[in-house]
């Protein structure tokens, strides 16, 4: 069956945010399966995993459908200690569209980079990254990544908005990983500048910011 696929003609806030989500917790695997005739068939799978079924249903799925007129389906990933869900879909046109826009297929964690988009959309891309790979860092909140490119981008964005931040690289198995985060006293500024949509992340930042004000 051939589905009617919509491909965005230009960058937008929604597309930049989706890219942030997919670079954070998504993947375009290099996959092939064997047909009944013995020949290999290339698969064009698009995955997005999350431990929050609510975030998938209320944010990722509606956004994906809004952009492409197709909706991924959700399966629970088996064999995990904690619940984990995969919003997956197969579409050659969307797969190749994302690839042409700058998404790295296959193993991307250490070499992921910011797609070439207008700078006015950078904060939406960062929001997607923080909604996936963002979290509590010490007493603050920020990004953990294996990609030096994404760490430098996060630092540049924090500097652009005048945030005071900490950077904490560390070595593990001959690779440098990165944490770029705002200390607790700076966290209240984040929601005013970066349009984060993940309710759990927003709640954490707000509660930590309130606690910081009380401590004063």
N, C-alpha and C. Protein backbone atom coordinates (compact mmCIF):
# COMPACT_ATOMS: atom_id res chain seq x y z
N UNK A 1 0.84 -1.20 0.00
CA UNK A 1 0.00 0.00 0.00
C UNK A 1 0.87 1.25 0.00
N UNK A 2 0.56 2.22 -0.85
CA UNK A 2 1.29 3.48 -0.91
C UNK A 2 0.51 4.54 -0.16
N UNK A 3 1.16 5.14 0.81
CA UNK A 3 0.50 6.14 1.63
C UNK A 3 0.81 7.54 1.09
N UNK A 4 -0.12 8.44 1.32
CA UNK A 4 0.07 9.83 0.94
C UNK A 4 0.93 10.51 1.99
N UNK A 5 2.15 10.85 1.62
CA UNK A 5 3.11 11.43 2.56
C UNK A 5 3.30 12.90 2.26
N UNK A 6 3.25 13.70 3.30
CA UNK A 6 3.55 15.12 3.17
C UNK A 6 5.00 15.36 3.60
N UNK A 7 5.76 16.05 2.78
CA UNK A 7 7.13 16.39 3.12
C UNK A 7 7.24 17.91 3.24
N UNK A 8 7.60 18.41 4.41
CA UNK A 8 7.71 19.86 4.60
C UNK A 8 8.64 20.49 3.56
N UNK A 9 8.23 21.62 3.03
CA UNK A 9 9.02 22.27 1.99
C UNK A 9 10.14 23.14 2.56
N UNK A 10 10.03 23.51 3.82
CA UNK A 10 11.08 24.33 4.42
C UNK A 10 11.12 24.08 5.93
N UNK A 11 12.18 24.56 6.55
CA UNK A 11 12.32 24.41 7.99
C UNK A 11 11.24 25.20 8.72
N UNK A 12 10.86 24.68 9.87
CA UNK A 12 9.88 25.34 10.73
C UNK A 12 10.24 25.02 12.18
N UNK A 13 9.58 25.68 13.10
CA UNK A 13 9.80 25.40 14.51
C UNK A 13 9.49 23.94 14.82
N UNK A 14 8.40 23.42 14.26
CA UNK A 14 8.01 22.02 14.53
C UNK A 14 9.02 21.03 13.96
N UNK A 15 9.50 21.29 12.75
CA UNK A 15 10.46 20.36 12.14
C UNK A 15 11.78 20.38 12.89
N UNK A 16 12.22 21.56 13.31
CA UNK A 16 13.46 21.66 14.09
C UNK A 16 13.33 20.93 15.41
N UNK A 17 12.18 21.07 16.06
CA UNK A 17 11.94 20.37 17.33
C UNK A 17 11.93 18.86 17.12
N UNK A 18 11.28 18.40 16.05
CA UNK A 18 11.25 16.96 15.76
C UNK A 18 12.67 16.43 15.54
N UNK A 19 13.49 17.20 14.84
CA UNK A 19 14.88 16.78 14.63
C UNK A 19 15.59 16.64 15.97
N UNK A 20 15.36 17.58 16.88
CA UNK A 20 15.97 17.48 18.19
C UNK A 20 15.55 16.20 18.91
N UNK A 21 14.26 15.88 18.83
CA UNK A 21 13.77 14.64 19.45
C UNK A 21 14.43 13.41 18.84
N UNK A 22 14.47 13.37 17.51
CA UNK A 22 15.00 12.19 16.84
C UNK A 22 16.51 12.04 17.04
N UNK A 23 17.23 13.15 17.08
CA UNK A 23 18.67 13.05 17.34
C UNK A 23 18.91 12.64 18.79
N UNK A 24 18.01 13.06 19.68
CA UNK A 24 18.14 12.66 21.07
C UNK A 24 17.81 11.19 21.30
N UNK A 25 16.61 10.77 20.96
CA UNK A 25 16.17 9.40 21.27
C UNK A 25 15.59 8.66 20.07
N UNK A 26 15.95 9.10 18.89
CA UNK A 26 15.46 8.43 17.69
C UNK A 26 16.58 7.72 16.95
N UNK A 27 16.22 7.03 15.89
CA UNK A 27 17.22 6.39 15.04
C UNK A 27 16.64 6.06 13.69
N UNK A 28 17.51 6.08 12.69
CA UNK A 28 17.20 5.59 11.36
C UNK A 28 18.18 4.44 11.10
N UNK A 29 17.84 3.24 11.55
CA UNK A 29 18.79 2.13 11.46
C UNK A 29 19.05 1.71 10.02
N UNK A 30 20.25 1.18 9.81
CA UNK A 30 20.60 0.57 8.52
C UNK A 30 20.13 -0.88 8.61
N UNK A 31 18.99 -1.18 8.01
CA UNK A 31 18.37 -2.50 8.21
C UNK A 31 18.00 -3.15 6.88
N UNK A 32 18.19 -4.47 6.85
CA UNK A 32 17.77 -5.26 5.70
C UNK A 32 17.13 -6.55 6.19
N UNK A 33 16.15 -7.03 5.46
CA UNK A 33 15.53 -8.32 5.75
C UNK A 33 15.57 -9.18 4.50
N UNK A 34 15.42 -10.48 4.71
CA UNK A 34 15.46 -11.42 3.58
C UNK A 34 14.03 -11.70 3.10
N UNK A 35 13.80 -11.52 1.83
CA UNK A 35 12.50 -11.83 1.24
C UNK A 35 12.34 -13.35 1.06
N UNK A 36 11.11 -13.80 0.83
CA UNK A 36 10.90 -15.23 0.60
C UNK A 36 11.72 -15.79 -0.57
N UNK A 37 12.06 -14.90 -1.54
CA UNK A 37 12.85 -15.37 -2.69
C UNK A 37 14.35 -15.40 -2.39
N UNK A 38 14.72 -15.07 -1.15
CA UNK A 38 16.12 -15.13 -0.77
C UNK A 38 16.90 -13.84 -0.96
N UNK A 39 16.27 -12.85 -1.58
CA UNK A 39 16.96 -11.58 -1.82
C UNK A 39 16.76 -10.65 -0.62
N UNK A 40 17.74 -9.75 -0.44
CA UNK A 40 17.66 -8.80 0.66
C UNK A 40 16.82 -7.59 0.28
N UNK A 41 16.07 -7.12 1.25
CA UNK A 41 15.23 -5.94 1.07
C UNK A 41 15.65 -4.87 2.07
N UNK A 42 15.95 -3.66 1.56
CA UNK A 42 16.31 -2.55 2.44
C UNK A 42 15.07 -2.05 3.15
N UNK A 43 15.18 -1.84 4.46
CA UNK A 43 14.08 -1.34 5.25
C UNK A 43 14.33 0.14 5.59
N UNK A 44 13.26 0.91 5.61
CA UNK A 44 13.37 2.34 5.89
C UNK A 44 12.58 2.64 7.16
N UNK A 45 13.17 2.24 8.28
CA UNK A 45 12.50 2.35 9.57
C UNK A 45 12.92 3.62 10.30
N UNK A 46 11.95 4.21 10.96
CA UNK A 46 12.19 5.42 11.76
C UNK A 46 11.70 5.12 13.17
N UNK A 47 12.63 5.14 14.12
CA UNK A 47 12.30 4.81 15.51
C UNK A 47 12.41 6.04 16.39
N UNK A 48 11.55 6.08 17.41
CA UNK A 48 11.70 7.06 18.49
C UNK A 48 11.30 6.36 19.78
N UNK A 49 12.23 6.26 20.71
CA UNK A 49 11.96 5.53 21.95
C UNK A 49 11.82 6.50 23.12
N UNK A 50 10.95 6.13 24.05
CA UNK A 50 10.71 6.96 25.23
C UNK A 50 10.21 6.07 26.37
N UNK A 51 10.56 6.44 27.59
CA UNK A 51 10.00 5.73 28.74
C UNK A 51 8.66 6.32 29.17
N UNK A 52 8.20 7.35 28.45
CA UNK A 52 6.93 7.99 28.75
C UNK A 52 5.93 7.77 27.61
N UNK A 53 4.98 6.89 27.86
CA UNK A 53 3.93 6.65 26.86
C UNK A 53 3.11 7.92 26.64
N UNK A 54 2.93 8.69 27.71
CA UNK A 54 2.18 9.94 27.61
C UNK A 54 2.86 10.92 26.67
N UNK A 55 4.18 11.04 26.77
CA UNK A 55 4.92 11.95 25.89
C UNK A 55 4.81 11.50 24.43
N UNK A 56 4.90 10.21 24.20
CA UNK A 56 4.73 9.70 22.85
C UNK A 56 3.36 10.04 22.29
N UNK A 57 2.32 9.76 23.07
CA UNK A 57 0.95 9.94 22.59
C UNK A 57 0.52 11.40 22.47
N UNK A 58 1.04 12.24 23.36
CA UNK A 58 0.57 13.62 23.39
C UNK A 58 1.48 14.60 22.66
N UNK A 59 2.73 14.21 22.43
CA UNK A 59 3.67 15.14 21.79
C UNK A 59 4.25 14.59 20.49
N UNK A 60 4.95 13.45 20.57
CA UNK A 60 5.65 12.95 19.38
C UNK A 60 4.71 12.52 18.26
N UNK A 61 3.74 11.68 18.57
CA UNK A 61 2.86 11.16 17.52
C UNK A 61 2.06 12.27 16.82
N UNK A 62 1.41 13.19 17.57
CA UNK A 62 0.68 14.28 16.89
C UNK A 62 1.59 15.17 16.05
N UNK A 63 2.81 15.42 16.53
CA UNK A 63 3.74 16.27 15.78
C UNK A 63 4.17 15.58 14.50
N UNK A 64 4.49 14.30 14.57
CA UNK A 64 4.90 13.55 13.39
C UNK A 64 3.78 13.55 12.35
N UNK A 65 2.56 13.32 12.81
CA UNK A 65 1.43 13.31 11.88
C UNK A 65 1.17 14.69 11.28
N UNK A 66 1.34 15.72 12.08
CA UNK A 66 1.16 17.09 11.59
C UNK A 66 2.15 17.41 10.46
N UNK A 67 3.37 16.93 10.61
CA UNK A 67 4.40 17.23 9.62
C UNK A 67 4.32 16.35 8.38
N UNK A 68 3.99 15.06 8.56
CA UNK A 68 4.10 14.11 7.46
C UNK A 68 2.79 13.44 7.04
N UNK A 69 1.71 13.70 7.78
CA UNK A 69 0.40 13.11 7.49
C UNK A 69 0.38 11.60 7.68
N UNK A 70 1.34 11.07 8.39
CA UNK A 70 1.38 9.67 8.77
C UNK A 70 1.67 9.59 10.26
N UNK A 71 1.14 8.55 10.90
CA UNK A 71 1.35 8.42 12.34
C UNK A 71 2.07 7.12 12.66
N UNK A 72 3.18 7.18 13.37
CA UNK A 72 3.84 5.95 13.82
C UNK A 72 2.94 5.16 14.77
N UNK A 73 3.21 3.88 14.90
CA UNK A 73 2.50 3.09 15.90
C UNK A 73 3.46 2.76 17.03
N UNK A 74 2.91 2.52 18.19
CA UNK A 74 3.73 2.35 19.39
C UNK A 74 3.73 0.90 19.84
N UNK A 75 4.91 0.40 20.15
CA UNK A 75 5.05 -0.94 20.73
C UNK A 75 5.86 -0.82 22.01
N UNK A 76 5.63 -1.71 22.95
CA UNK A 76 6.44 -1.74 24.15
C UNK A 76 7.68 -2.60 23.89
N UNK A 77 8.83 -2.06 24.23
CA UNK A 77 10.08 -2.79 24.03
C UNK A 77 10.19 -3.86 25.11
N UNK A 78 10.31 -5.09 24.70
CA UNK A 78 10.34 -6.21 25.65
C UNK A 78 11.72 -6.38 26.28
N UNK A 79 11.74 -7.02 27.44
CA UNK A 79 12.99 -7.37 28.08
C UNK A 79 13.66 -6.23 28.83
N UNK A 80 12.92 -5.14 29.08
CA UNK A 80 13.48 -4.02 29.81
C UNK A 80 12.98 -4.02 31.25
N UNK A 81 13.87 -3.64 32.16
CA UNK A 81 13.49 -3.59 33.57
C UNK A 81 12.40 -2.55 33.81
N UNK A 82 12.56 -1.38 33.17
CA UNK A 82 11.57 -0.32 33.27
C UNK A 82 10.84 -0.17 31.94
N UNK A 83 9.61 0.33 31.95
CA UNK A 83 8.85 0.47 30.71
C UNK A 83 9.58 1.32 29.68
N UNK A 84 9.59 0.86 28.43
CA UNK A 84 10.19 1.58 27.33
C UNK A 84 9.34 1.35 26.09
N UNK A 85 9.06 2.44 25.37
CA UNK A 85 8.14 2.36 24.23
C UNK A 85 8.83 2.88 22.97
N UNK A 86 8.47 2.28 21.85
CA UNK A 86 9.05 2.66 20.57
C UNK A 86 7.94 3.12 19.63
N UNK A 87 7.98 4.39 19.25
CA UNK A 87 7.09 4.89 18.21
C UNK A 87 7.77 4.68 16.87
N UNK A 88 7.29 3.73 16.09
CA UNK A 88 8.00 3.33 14.88
C UNK A 88 7.12 3.43 13.65
N UNK A 89 7.77 3.67 12.52
CA UNK A 89 7.07 3.73 11.25
C UNK A 89 8.06 3.40 10.15
N UNK A 90 7.58 2.90 9.04
CA UNK A 90 8.45 2.62 7.90
C UNK A 90 7.98 3.44 6.71
N UNK A 91 8.87 4.28 6.19
CA UNK A 91 8.55 5.12 5.03
C UNK A 91 9.85 5.52 4.35
N UNK A 92 10.03 5.08 3.14
CA UNK A 92 11.24 5.42 2.38
C UNK A 92 11.32 6.92 2.14
N UNK A 93 10.20 7.55 1.82
CA UNK A 93 10.22 8.98 1.50
C UNK A 93 10.59 9.82 2.72
N UNK A 94 10.02 9.50 3.88
CA UNK A 94 10.34 10.28 5.08
C UNK A 94 11.77 9.98 5.52
N UNK A 95 12.18 8.73 5.48
CA UNK A 95 13.54 8.31 5.84
C UNK A 95 14.57 9.11 5.02
N UNK A 96 14.37 9.13 3.70
CA UNK A 96 15.32 9.83 2.82
C UNK A 96 15.22 11.34 2.99
N UNK A 97 14.03 11.84 3.30
CA UNK A 97 13.86 13.27 3.57
C UNK A 97 14.69 13.67 4.79
N UNK A 98 14.57 12.91 5.87
CA UNK A 98 15.32 13.21 7.10
C UNK A 98 16.82 13.11 6.86
N UNK A 99 17.21 12.12 6.08
CA UNK A 99 18.64 11.94 5.77
C UNK A 99 19.17 13.14 4.98
N UNK A 100 18.42 13.58 3.99
CA UNK A 100 18.86 14.72 3.18
C UNK A 100 18.90 16.02 3.99
N UNK A 101 18.06 16.10 5.00
CA UNK A 101 18.04 17.29 5.87
C UNK A 101 19.21 17.30 6.86
N UNK A 102 19.93 16.19 6.95
CA UNK A 102 21.10 16.16 7.82
C UNK A 102 21.10 15.13 8.92
N UNK A 103 20.10 14.26 8.94
CA UNK A 103 20.07 13.22 9.97
C UNK A 103 21.05 12.11 9.58
N UNK A 104 21.87 11.68 10.54
CA UNK A 104 22.86 10.64 10.30
C UNK A 104 22.23 9.28 10.55
N UNK A 105 22.23 8.42 9.55
CA UNK A 105 21.63 7.10 9.70
C UNK A 105 22.63 6.16 10.36
N UNK A 106 22.12 5.09 10.92
CA UNK A 106 22.97 4.13 11.60
C UNK A 106 23.37 4.62 12.98
N UNK A 107 24.56 4.24 13.42
CA UNK A 107 25.05 4.61 14.76
C UNK A 107 25.50 6.07 14.75
N UNK A 108 24.73 6.93 15.40
CA UNK A 108 24.95 8.36 15.31
C UNK A 108 25.42 9.02 16.59
N UNK A 109 25.34 8.32 17.73
CA UNK A 109 25.48 8.97 19.04
C UNK A 109 26.74 9.82 19.16
N UNK A 110 27.88 9.31 18.69
CA UNK A 110 29.15 10.01 18.88
C UNK A 110 29.42 11.05 17.80
N UNK A 111 28.69 11.00 16.69
CA UNK A 111 28.97 11.91 15.58
C UNK A 111 27.77 12.77 15.20
N UNK A 112 26.72 12.72 16.01
CA UNK A 112 25.52 13.53 15.71
C UNK A 112 25.89 15.00 15.66
N UNK A 113 25.21 15.73 14.79
CA UNK A 113 25.48 17.16 14.65
C UNK A 113 24.18 17.91 14.38
N UNK A 114 24.27 19.22 14.42
CA UNK A 114 23.11 20.07 14.19
C UNK A 114 22.87 20.18 12.69
N UNK A 115 21.69 19.87 12.21
CA UNK A 115 21.41 20.03 10.78
C UNK A 115 21.54 21.49 10.36
N UNK A 116 21.75 21.69 9.09
CA UNK A 116 21.88 23.04 8.54
C UNK A 116 20.48 23.66 8.43
N UNK A 117 20.16 24.52 9.38
CA UNK A 117 18.84 25.16 9.42
C UNK A 117 19.02 26.63 9.78
N UNK A 118 18.05 27.48 9.51
CA UNK A 118 18.15 28.88 9.93
C UNK A 118 18.32 28.99 11.44
N UNK A 119 19.15 29.93 11.87
CA UNK A 119 19.46 30.05 13.29
C UNK A 119 18.22 30.34 14.14
N UNK A 120 17.20 30.94 13.54
CA UNK A 120 16.01 31.26 14.32
C UNK A 120 15.30 30.01 14.82
N UNK A 121 15.63 28.86 14.26
CA UNK A 121 15.02 27.60 14.70
C UNK A 121 15.91 26.82 15.66
N UNK A 122 17.09 27.32 15.97
CA UNK A 122 18.02 26.58 16.83
C UNK A 122 17.43 26.31 18.21
N UNK A 123 16.69 27.25 18.75
CA UNK A 123 16.17 27.03 20.11
C UNK A 123 15.11 25.93 20.13
N UNK A 124 14.42 25.73 19.02
CA UNK A 124 13.45 24.64 18.95
C UNK A 124 14.16 23.29 18.83
N UNK A 125 15.26 23.29 18.08
CA UNK A 125 16.06 22.08 17.99
C UNK A 125 16.63 21.72 19.37
N UNK A 126 17.14 22.72 20.08
CA UNK A 126 17.66 22.48 21.43
C UNK A 126 16.57 21.99 22.36
N UNK A 127 15.36 22.51 22.21
CA UNK A 127 14.24 22.05 23.04
C UNK A 127 14.01 20.55 22.84
N UNK A 128 14.08 20.09 21.60
CA UNK A 128 13.93 18.66 21.34
C UNK A 128 15.03 17.84 21.97
N UNK A 129 16.27 18.35 21.90
CA UNK A 129 17.38 17.65 22.54
C UNK A 129 17.18 17.56 24.06
N UNK A 130 16.79 18.67 24.66
CA UNK A 130 16.62 18.68 26.12
C UNK A 130 15.41 17.86 26.55
N UNK A 131 14.40 17.76 25.70
CA UNK A 131 13.24 16.95 26.03
C UNK A 131 13.54 15.46 25.98
N UNK A 132 14.68 15.10 25.41
CA UNK A 132 15.08 13.69 25.34
C UNK A 132 16.34 13.43 26.16
N UNK A 133 17.44 14.06 25.77
CA UNK A 133 18.72 13.83 26.45
C UNK A 133 19.00 14.82 27.57
N UNK A 134 18.03 15.65 27.90
CA UNK A 134 18.18 16.57 29.02
C UNK A 134 17.73 15.93 30.32
N UNK A 135 18.32 16.37 31.42
CA UNK A 135 17.93 15.82 32.70
C UNK A 135 18.69 16.44 33.85
N UNK A 136 18.48 15.90 35.02
CA UNK A 136 19.12 16.41 36.23
C UNK A 136 20.62 16.14 36.18
N UNK A 137 21.39 17.18 36.40
CA UNK A 137 22.84 17.08 36.43
C UNK A 137 23.32 17.74 37.72
N UNK A 138 23.72 16.95 38.68
CA UNK A 138 24.06 17.52 39.98
C UNK A 138 22.81 18.16 40.56
N UNK A 139 22.91 19.43 40.88
CA UNK A 139 21.73 20.14 41.36
C UNK A 139 21.05 20.94 40.28
N UNK A 140 21.51 20.78 39.03
CA UNK A 140 20.98 21.57 37.93
C UNK A 140 20.32 20.73 36.85
N UNK A 141 20.26 21.29 35.64
CA UNK A 141 19.59 20.62 34.52
C UNK A 141 20.36 20.94 33.25
N UNK A 142 20.52 19.92 32.39
CA UNK A 142 21.21 20.17 31.13
C UNK A 142 21.29 18.94 30.26
N UNK A 143 22.23 18.98 29.33
CA UNK A 143 22.35 17.97 28.29
C UNK A 143 23.50 17.01 28.56
N UNK A 144 23.24 15.72 28.37
CA UNK A 144 24.30 14.70 28.37
C UNK A 144 24.38 14.13 26.97
N UNK A 145 25.58 14.09 26.40
CA UNK A 145 25.71 13.62 25.03
C UNK A 145 27.09 13.03 24.77
N UNK A 146 27.14 12.09 23.83
CA UNK A 146 28.41 11.53 23.39
C UNK A 146 28.98 12.33 22.23
N UNK A 147 28.23 13.32 21.74
CA UNK A 147 28.64 14.10 20.57
C UNK A 147 29.26 15.42 20.98
N UNK A 148 30.49 15.64 20.59
CA UNK A 148 31.14 16.92 20.86
C UNK A 148 30.43 18.05 20.13
N UNK A 149 29.94 17.77 18.92
CA UNK A 149 29.23 18.79 18.14
C UNK A 149 27.99 19.29 18.88
N UNK A 150 27.22 18.37 19.46
CA UNK A 150 26.00 18.78 20.17
C UNK A 150 26.35 19.50 21.47
N UNK A 151 27.42 19.07 22.13
CA UNK A 151 27.83 19.75 23.36
C UNK A 151 28.24 21.18 23.08
N UNK A 152 29.00 21.40 22.01
CA UNK A 152 29.42 22.76 21.65
C UNK A 152 28.21 23.61 21.25
N UNK A 153 27.26 23.00 20.55
CA UNK A 153 26.05 23.73 20.17
C UNK A 153 25.28 24.17 21.41
N UNK A 154 25.14 23.27 22.37
CA UNK A 154 24.43 23.59 23.60
C UNK A 154 25.13 24.74 24.34
N UNK A 155 26.44 24.71 24.40
CA UNK A 155 27.19 25.78 25.05
C UNK A 155 26.96 27.11 24.33
N UNK A 156 27.00 27.08 23.00
CA UNK A 156 26.78 28.29 22.22
C UNK A 156 25.39 28.88 22.47
N UNK A 157 24.41 27.99 22.56
CA UNK A 157 23.04 28.45 22.80
C UNK A 157 22.91 29.06 24.20
N UNK A 158 23.48 28.41 25.19
CA UNK A 158 23.43 28.96 26.55
C UNK A 158 24.12 30.32 26.61
N UNK A 159 25.22 30.45 25.89
CA UNK A 159 25.92 31.73 25.85
C UNK A 159 25.09 32.79 25.13
N UNK A 160 24.41 32.38 24.07
CA UNK A 160 23.57 33.32 23.32
C UNK A 160 22.49 33.94 24.20
N UNK A 161 21.95 33.14 25.12
CA UNK A 161 20.90 33.63 26.01
C UNK A 161 21.44 34.17 27.33
N UNK A 162 22.75 34.20 27.46
CA UNK A 162 23.35 34.78 28.65
C UNK A 162 23.27 33.90 29.88
N UNK A 163 23.14 32.58 29.70
CA UNK A 163 23.08 31.66 30.82
C UNK A 163 24.49 31.37 31.34
N UNK A 164 24.61 31.27 32.64
CA UNK A 164 25.82 30.74 33.24
C UNK A 164 25.69 29.22 33.31
N UNK A 165 26.66 28.51 32.79
CA UNK A 165 26.55 27.06 32.71
C UNK A 165 27.86 26.39 33.12
N UNK A 166 27.76 25.11 33.35
CA UNK A 166 28.93 24.28 33.65
C UNK A 166 29.11 23.26 32.54
N UNK A 167 30.35 22.97 32.20
CA UNK A 167 30.67 21.95 31.21
C UNK A 167 31.55 20.90 31.86
N UNK A 168 31.16 19.64 31.68
CA UNK A 168 31.86 18.56 32.39
C UNK A 168 32.11 17.38 31.44
N UNK A 169 33.20 17.43 30.67
CA UNK A 169 33.54 16.28 29.83
C UNK A 169 34.23 15.19 30.64
N UNK A 170 34.06 13.94 30.22
CA UNK A 170 34.76 12.84 30.88
C UNK A 170 35.06 11.74 29.87
N UNK A 171 36.10 10.96 30.15
CA UNK A 171 36.53 9.90 29.26
C UNK A 171 36.01 8.55 29.72
N UNK A 172 35.55 7.76 28.76
CA UNK A 172 35.11 6.40 29.06
C UNK A 172 35.35 5.54 27.83
N UNK A 173 36.13 4.50 28.00
CA UNK A 173 36.44 3.59 26.90
C UNK A 173 36.93 4.34 25.67
N UNK A 174 37.89 5.21 25.88
CA UNK A 174 38.59 5.94 24.82
C UNK A 174 37.68 6.91 24.04
N UNK A 175 36.62 7.34 24.68
CA UNK A 175 35.77 8.36 24.05
C UNK A 175 35.41 9.42 25.09
N UNK A 176 35.31 10.67 24.65
CA UNK A 176 34.95 11.77 25.54
C UNK A 176 33.45 12.03 25.48
N UNK A 177 32.80 11.96 26.62
CA UNK A 177 31.38 12.28 26.74
C UNK A 177 31.24 13.66 27.39
N UNK A 178 30.06 14.24 27.28
CA UNK A 178 29.90 15.63 27.70
C UNK A 178 28.61 15.85 28.51
N UNK A 179 28.73 16.70 29.50
CA UNK A 179 27.57 17.25 30.20
C UNK A 179 27.68 18.77 30.14
N UNK A 180 26.60 19.40 29.69
CA UNK A 180 26.53 20.86 29.67
C UNK A 180 25.25 21.23 30.40
N UNK A 181 25.37 21.89 31.55
CA UNK A 181 24.18 22.07 32.36
C UNK A 181 24.15 23.42 33.08
N UNK A 182 22.95 23.83 33.40
CA UNK A 182 22.73 25.05 34.16
C UNK A 182 22.66 24.71 35.64
N UNK A 183 23.33 25.47 36.49
CA UNK A 183 23.17 25.26 37.93
C UNK A 183 21.76 25.66 38.35
N UNK A 184 21.37 25.22 39.53
CA UNK A 184 19.99 25.43 39.98
C UNK A 184 19.55 26.89 39.91
N UNK A 185 20.44 27.81 40.26
CA UNK A 185 20.06 29.22 40.30
C UNK A 185 19.81 29.82 38.92
N UNK A 186 20.21 29.10 37.85
CA UNK A 186 20.01 29.58 36.48
C UNK A 186 18.82 28.91 35.79
N UNK A 187 18.31 27.84 36.38
CA UNK A 187 17.33 27.01 35.68
C UNK A 187 16.03 27.72 35.35
N UNK A 188 15.63 28.69 36.17
CA UNK A 188 14.35 29.37 35.92
C UNK A 188 14.36 30.14 34.60
N UNK A 189 15.56 30.47 34.10
CA UNK A 189 15.67 31.21 32.84
C UNK A 189 15.41 30.33 31.62
N UNK A 190 15.59 29.03 31.80
CA UNK A 190 15.55 28.12 30.66
C UNK A 190 14.18 28.09 29.98
N UNK A 191 13.12 27.99 30.78
CA UNK A 191 11.79 27.86 30.21
C UNK A 191 11.33 29.13 29.49
N UNK A 192 11.92 30.26 29.82
CA UNK A 192 11.57 31.51 29.15
C UNK A 192 12.21 31.62 27.77
N UNK A 193 13.32 30.91 27.58
CA UNK A 193 14.07 31.03 26.35
C UNK A 193 13.95 29.83 25.42
N UNK A 194 13.82 28.64 25.99
CA UNK A 194 13.81 27.40 25.21
C UNK A 194 12.43 26.73 25.34
N UNK A 195 11.72 26.53 24.23
CA UNK A 195 10.34 26.01 24.28
C UNK A 195 10.25 24.51 24.51
N UNK A 196 10.69 24.07 25.68
CA UNK A 196 10.60 22.66 26.06
C UNK A 196 9.13 22.25 26.15
N UNK A 197 8.80 21.04 25.72
CA UNK A 197 7.42 20.56 25.71
C UNK A 197 7.19 19.36 26.63
N UNK A 198 8.26 18.73 27.06
CA UNK A 198 8.13 17.53 27.89
C UNK A 198 7.66 17.93 29.29
N UNK A 199 6.46 17.52 29.65
CA UNK A 199 5.85 17.94 30.91
C UNK A 199 6.70 17.53 32.11
N UNK A 200 7.29 16.36 32.06
CA UNK A 200 8.12 15.89 33.18
C UNK A 200 9.35 16.78 33.35
N UNK A 201 9.97 17.18 32.25
CA UNK A 201 11.14 18.06 32.33
C UNK A 201 10.74 19.45 32.82
N UNK A 202 9.62 19.94 32.32
CA UNK A 202 9.13 21.26 32.74
C UNK A 202 8.84 21.26 34.23
N UNK A 203 8.19 20.21 34.70
CA UNK A 203 7.84 20.11 36.12
C UNK A 203 9.09 20.10 36.99
N UNK A 204 10.10 19.33 36.56
CA UNK A 204 11.34 19.27 37.34
C UNK A 204 12.00 20.65 37.42
N UNK A 205 12.07 21.34 36.29
CA UNK A 205 12.73 22.65 36.26
C UNK A 205 11.97 23.64 37.14
N UNK A 206 10.65 23.65 37.03
CA UNK A 206 9.85 24.58 37.84
C UNK A 206 9.98 24.29 39.33
N UNK A 207 9.91 23.04 39.70
CA UNK A 207 10.02 22.68 41.12
C UNK A 207 11.39 23.03 41.67
N UNK A 208 12.43 22.77 40.89
CA UNK A 208 13.78 23.09 41.34
C UNK A 208 13.97 24.60 41.45
N UNK A 209 13.35 25.35 40.53
CA UNK A 209 13.46 26.80 40.56
C UNK A 209 12.75 27.37 41.78
N UNK A 210 11.58 26.82 42.11
CA UNK A 210 10.85 27.26 43.29
C UNK A 210 11.65 26.96 44.55
N UNK A 211 12.25 25.77 44.59
CA UNK A 211 13.06 25.40 45.75
C UNK A 211 14.25 26.35 45.91
N UNK A 212 14.81 26.78 44.79
CA UNK A 212 15.94 27.70 44.83
C UNK A 212 15.52 29.04 45.42
N UNK A 213 14.32 29.51 45.04
CA UNK A 213 13.82 30.79 45.56
C UNK A 213 13.56 30.69 47.07
N UNK A 214 13.05 29.55 47.51
CA UNK A 214 12.77 29.35 48.94
C UNK A 214 14.08 29.35 49.73
N UNK A 215 15.11 28.73 49.16
CA UNK A 215 16.41 28.66 49.82
C UNK A 215 17.02 30.04 50.01
N UNK A 216 16.66 30.97 49.13
CA UNK A 216 17.17 32.33 49.25
C UNK A 216 16.57 33.04 50.46
